[in-house]
C-alpha atoms as a PDB file:
ATOM      1  CA  MET A   1      27.873-140.883  13.940  1.00  0.00           C
ATOM      2  CA  GLN A   2      27.119-139.336  17.291  1.00  0.00           C
ATOM      3  CA  ASP A   3      24.282-136.865  17.790  1.00  0.00           C
ATOM      4  CA  ASN A   4      25.498-133.462  18.792  1.00  0.00           C
ATOM      5  CA  ILE A   5      23.147-131.083  20.656  1.00  0.00           C
ATOM      6  CA  ILE A   6      23.546-127.682  19.196  1.00  0.00           C
ATOM      7  CA  GLN A   7      20.962-125.887  21.239  1.00  0.00           C
ATOM      8  CA  ILE A   8      18.158-126.607  23.770  1.00  0.00           C
ATOM      9  CA  MET A   9      14.900-124.759  24.111  1.00  0.00           C
ATOM     10  CA  PRO A  10      12.219-124.727  26.809  1.00  0.00           C
ATOM     11  CA  ALA A  11       9.237-127.114  26.272  1.00  0.00           C
ATOM     12  CA  ALA A  12       6.635-125.887  28.735  1.00  0.00           C
ATOM     13  CA  GLY A  13       3.206-127.307  27.918  1.00  0.00           C
ATOM     14  CA  TRP A  14       4.422-130.178  25.698  1.00  0.00           C
ATOM     15  CA  VAL A  15       4.303-133.965  26.354  1.00  0.00           C
ATOM     16  CA  ALA A  16       5.700-137.067  24.783  1.00  0.00           C
ATOM     17  CA  VAL A  17       2.956-139.566  24.036  1.00  0.00           C
ATOM     18  CA  PHE A  18       3.634-143.287  24.499  1.00  0.00           C
ATOM     19  CA  ASP A  19       1.696-146.475  23.783  1.00  0.00           C
ATOM     20  CA  GLU A  20       1.237-148.486  26.993  1.00  0.00           C
ATOM     21  CA  ASP A  21      -0.584-151.704  26.044  1.00  0.00           C
ATOM     22  CA  GLY A  22      -2.956-150.003  23.637  1.00  0.00           C
ATOM     23  CA  GLU A  23      -3.581-146.968  25.888  1.00  0.00           C
ATOM     24  CA  GLU A  24      -1.806-143.684  25.388  1.00  0.00           C
ATOM     25  CA  SER A  25       0.084-142.101  28.223  1.00  0.00           C
ATOM     26  CA  ALA A  26       1.948-138.829  28.391  1.00  0.00           C
ATOM     27  CA  GLN A  27       5.180-137.687  29.987  1.00  0.00           C
ATOM     28  CA  GLY A  28       6.252-134.024  30.207  1.00  0.00           C
ATOM     29  CA  VAL A  29       8.886-132.895  27.691  1.00  0.00           C
ATOM     30  CA  VAL A  30      11.822-131.353  29.606  1.00  0.00           C
ATOM     31  CA  CYS A  31      13.186-129.488  26.552  1.00  0.00           C
ATOM     32  CA  PHE A  32      13.530-129.528  22.768  1.00  0.00           C
ATOM     33  CA  ALA A  33      17.027-130.069  21.410  1.00  0.00           C
ATOM     34  CA  LEU A  34      18.387-128.963  18.058  1.00  0.00           C
ATOM     35  CA  VAL A  35      20.461-131.931  17.160  1.00  0.00           C
ATOM     36  CA  GLU A  36      22.994-132.404  14.397  1.00  0.00           C
ATOM     37  CA  SER A  37      23.996-135.842  13.048  1.00  0.00           C
ATOM     38  CA  ALA A  38      25.250-137.023   9.666  1.00  0.00           C
ATOM     39  CA  MET A  39      25.059-133.583   8.081  1.00  0.00           C
ATOM     40  CA  LYS A  40      21.426-133.036   9.053  1.00  0.00           C
ATOM     41  CA  ARG A  41      19.660-131.128  11.812  1.00  0.00           C
ATOM     42  CA  GLU A  42      16.438-131.870  13.534  1.00  0.00           C
ATOM     43  CA  VAL A  43      14.542-130.902  16.625  1.00  0.00           C
ATOM     44  CA  ARG A  44      13.982-133.704  19.099  1.00  0.00           C
ATOM     45  CA  ALA A  45      12.017-133.828  22.340  1.00  0.00           C
ATOM     46  CA  MET A  46      13.832-134.785  25.526  1.00  0.00           C
ATOM     47  CA  ILE A  47      12.275-136.368  28.672  1.00  0.00           C
ATOM     48  CA  ALA A  48      13.544-137.236  32.111  1.00  0.00           C
ATOM     49  CA  ASP A  49      14.208-140.918  32.647  1.00  0.00           C
ATOM     50  CA  GLY A  50      15.057-141.351  36.231  1.00  0.00           C
ATOM     51  CA  ALA A  51      18.136-139.278  36.951  1.00  0.00           C
ATOM     52  CA  GLN A  52      18.998-138.915  33.234  1.00  0.00           C
ATOM     53  CA  ILE A  53      17.500-136.950  30.332  1.00  0.00           C
ATOM     54  CA  GLY A  54      17.151-138.685  26.987  1.00  0.00           C
ATOM     55  CA  PHE A  55      15.470-138.446  23.693  1.00  0.00           C
ATOM     56  CA  ALA A  56      11.814-139.394  23.772  1.00  0.00           C
ATOM     57  CA  ASP A  57      11.890-140.869  20.266  1.00  0.00           C
ATOM     58  CA  ALA A  58      14.581-143.304  21.315  1.00  0.00           C
ATOM     59  CA  LEU A  59      12.117-145.296  23.422  1.00  0.00           C
ATOM     60  CA  PRO A  60      10.393-148.140  21.606  1.00  0.00           C
ATOM     61  CA  ASN A  61       6.804-147.199  22.567  1.00  0.00           C
ATOM     62  CA  PHE A  62       7.140-143.512  21.571  1.00  0.00           C
ATOM     63  CA  VAL A  63       4.183-142.261  19.424  1.00  0.00           C
ATOM     64  CA  ARG A  64       4.414-138.480  19.077  1.00  0.00           C
ATOM     65  CA  VAL A  65       5.016-135.124  20.709  1.00  0.00           C
ATOM     66  CA  GLN A  66       1.873-133.048  21.372  1.00  0.00           C
ATOM     67  CA  GLU A  67       0.769-130.000  23.360  1.00  0.00           C
ATOM     68  CA  LEU A  68      -0.533-130.968  26.748  1.00  0.00           C
ATOM     69  CA  ASP A  69      -3.836-129.206  26.250  1.00  0.00           C
ATOM     70  CA  ALA A  70      -4.596-131.096  23.078  1.00  0.00           C
ATOM     71  CA  PHE A  71      -3.662-134.435  24.669  1.00  0.00           C
ATOM     72  CA  GLU A  72      -5.975-133.786  27.603  1.00  0.00           C
ATOM     73  CA  GLU A  73      -8.834-132.731  25.250  1.00  0.00           C
ATOM     74  CA  GLU A  74      -8.482-135.994  23.338  1.00  0.00           C
ATOM     75  CA  ASP A  75      -8.387-137.967  26.598  1.00  0.00           C
ATOM     76  CA  ASP A  76     -11.554-136.184  27.793  1.00  0.00           C
ATOM     77  CA  GLU A  77     -13.292-137.015  24.522  1.00  0.00           C
ATOM     78  CA  ASP A  78     -12.348-140.684  24.720  1.00  0.00           C
ATOM     79  CA  GLU A  79     -13.764-140.832  28.281  1.00  0.00           C
ATOM     80  CA  GLU A  80     -17.017-139.110  27.204  1.00  0.00           C
ATOM     81  CA  GLY A  81     -17.334-141.624  24.396  1.00  0.00           C
ATOM     82  CA  GLU A  82     -16.888-144.559  26.737  1.00  0.00           C
ATOM     83  CA  GLU A  83     -19.562-143.067  29.147  1.00  0.00           C
ATOM     84  CA  ASP A  84     -21.970-142.728  26.151  1.00  0.00           C
ATOM     85  CA  GLU A  85     -21.390-146.378  25.206  1.00  0.00           C
ATOM     86  CA  ASP A  86     -22.048-147.546  28.824  1.00  0.00           C
ATOM     87  CA  GLU A  87     -25.348-145.582  28.893  1.00  0.00           C
ATOM     88  CA  ASP A  88     -26.382-147.016  25.553  1.00  0.00           C
ATOM     89  CA  GLU A  89     -25.824-150.569  26.876  1.00  0.00           C
ATOM     90  CA  ALA A  90     -27.998-149.951  30.015  1.00  0.00           C
END
């Protein structure tokens, strides 16, 4: 059955997180869509893919949707941990 978009909502400050060869990368979410399919409704993140917009969770390396601030904080913590490991080795 085809997915029907019932409503879209802005998604400022949200990113879709993807696994890129063991490293996480983020891409801005364009909007959230309320989608109906097979008698159920769910909210799905949509991202720009070139000139088209598609569902983030349809991509094979999709991991999760997260607020941008939280993603950046996790990334900063990972970098600090790597710096501490480098200092310990020296």
